[in-house]
Protein backbone atom coordinates (compact mmCIF):
# COMPACT_ATOMS: atom_id res chain seq x y z
CA UNK A 1 -36.66 47.50 12.19
CA UNK A 2 -36.41 45.64 15.56
CA UNK A 3 -32.89 45.73 16.93
CA UNK A 4 -31.00 42.55 16.19
CA UNK A 5 -33.68 41.48 13.59
CA UNK A 6 -31.95 39.97 10.55
CA UNK A 7 -33.01 41.96 7.43
CA UNK A 8 -35.46 40.11 5.02
CA UNK A 9 -35.90 41.65 1.54
CA UNK A 10 -39.05 40.98 -0.10
CA UNK A 11 -39.78 40.97 -3.59
CA UNK A 12 -43.37 40.75 -5.15
CA UNK A 13 -43.09 39.11 -8.89
CA UNK A 14 -46.04 39.24 -10.92
CA UNK A 15 -46.05 35.83 -13.37
CA UNK A 16 -48.32 35.28 -16.52
CA UNK A 17 -47.73 31.63 -17.28
CA UNK A 18 -49.61 29.58 -19.83
CA UNK A 19 -52.98 29.38 -19.31
CA UNK A 20 -53.70 25.91 -18.90
CA UNK A 21 -51.37 25.16 -16.69
CA UNK A 22 -51.59 28.00 -13.63
CA UNK A 23 -52.72 25.67 -11.07
CA UNK A 24 -49.09 23.53 -11.42
CA UNK A 25 -47.16 26.40 -12.17
CA UNK A 26 -48.11 28.06 -8.81
CA UNK A 27 -47.41 24.42 -7.01
CA UNK A 28 -43.78 24.89 -8.90
CA UNK A 29 -43.21 28.01 -7.81
CA UNK A 30 -44.30 27.98 -4.10
CA UNK A 31 -41.86 24.51 -3.51
CA UNK A 32 -38.93 26.86 -4.71
CA UNK A 33 -36.84 28.29 -1.73
CA UNK A 34 -37.28 31.74 -1.66
CA UNK A 35 -41.06 31.55 -2.32
CA UNK A 36 -43.19 32.04 0.76
CA UNK A 37 -46.72 32.75 -1.09
CA UNK A 38 -48.09 32.49 -4.71
CA UNK A 39 -51.09 33.77 -5.34
CA UNK A 40 -53.75 33.45 -8.32
CA UNK A 41 -55.28 36.23 -9.30
CA UNK A 42 -57.63 38.28 -11.29
CA UNK A 43 -56.17 41.15 -13.74
CA UNK A 44 -53.07 41.24 -16.07
CA UNK A 45 -51.67 38.76 -14.35
CA UNK A 46 -51.76 34.97 -13.46
CA UNK A 47 -50.27 34.59 -10.60
CA UNK A 48 -48.38 36.68 -7.89
CA UNK A 49 -45.31 35.14 -5.76
CA UNK A 50 -43.86 36.51 -2.60
CA UNK A 51 -40.39 35.66 -2.67
CA UNK A 52 -38.15 36.89 0.93
CA UNK A 53 -34.53 36.30 0.43
CA UNK A 54 -31.50 37.71 2.98
CA UNK A 55 -29.60 39.29 0.26
CA UNK A 56 -30.04 41.57 -3.21
CA UNK A 57 -28.03 38.61 -5.13
CA UNK A 58 -30.42 35.67 -4.08
CA UNK A 59 -33.19 37.30 -5.53
CA UNK A 60 -31.33 36.81 -9.03
CA UNK A 61 -31.27 32.95 -8.38
CA UNK A 62 -34.91 32.59 -6.91
CA UNK A 63 -36.31 34.54 -10.04
CA UNK A 64 -34.04 34.65 -12.88
CA UNK A 65 -32.82 30.60 -11.75
CA UNK A 66 -35.55 29.94 -10.93
CA UNK A 67 -39.14 30.47 -11.05
CA UNK A 68 -38.49 31.76 -14.58
CA UNK A 69 -37.48 28.68 -15.21
CA UNK A 70 -40.23 26.68 -14.13
CA UNK A 71 -42.30 24.97 -17.25
CA UNK A 72 -45.21 27.02 -18.42
CA UNK A 73 -44.06 30.35 -16.91
CA UNK A 74 -43.92 32.98 -20.18
CA UNK A 75 -43.30 36.19 -18.17
CA UNK A 76 -42.33 38.21 -14.69
CA UNK A 77 -42.04 41.59 -13.43
CA UNK A 78 -40.28 42.10 -10.42
CA UNK A 79 -41.12 44.70 -7.62
CA UNK A 80 -38.75 45.18 -4.94
CA UNK A 81 -40.16 46.57 -1.82
CA UNK A 82 -38.70 49.27 0.44
CA UNK A 83 -41.11 49.29 3.21
CA UNK A 84 -43.75 47.22 4.58
CA UNK A 85 -46.72 49.29 6.13
CA UNK A 86 -49.36 47.09 8.02
CA UNK A 87 -51.27 47.17 11.02
CA UNK A 88 -50.25 43.68 11.89
CA UNK A 89 -46.92 43.32 13.95
CA UNK A 90 -44.57 41.22 11.76
CA UNK A 91 -43.71 38.75 15.02
CA UNK A 92 -47.62 38.25 14.71
CA UNK A 93 -47.63 37.26 10.78
CA UNK A 94 -44.42 34.35 11.79
CA UNK A 95 -46.83 33.50 15.14
CA UNK A 96 -47.48 29.72 15.19
CA UNK A 97 -51.68 29.71 15.64
CA UNK A 98 -54.17 31.70 14.71
CA UNK A 99 -54.97 35.04 16.07
CA UNK A 100 -57.37 35.55 19.04
CA UNK A 101 -60.45 36.47 17.73
CA UNK A 102 -61.95 40.67 18.33
């Protein structure tokens, strides 16, 4: 972690929802505070939401009190990230604009 950089806790939330409302559920979840992205995926789950918060207590607020109560959400399965492994620098991920082409 960078010196002085604020700590961010990341939770990966697997979401099962009513099949006929996946796009609407995804939009509603994407608009919640603390949710940075929502992906529609193939496989055993319908959506994956990336939740990024500053404190562990905020995870319960975002997931239990907000995501789980979105109409159409049937079930959630939450995974807390301990460490990120990436070829991309975190600062680049938050930069404005597109990265230069190789």
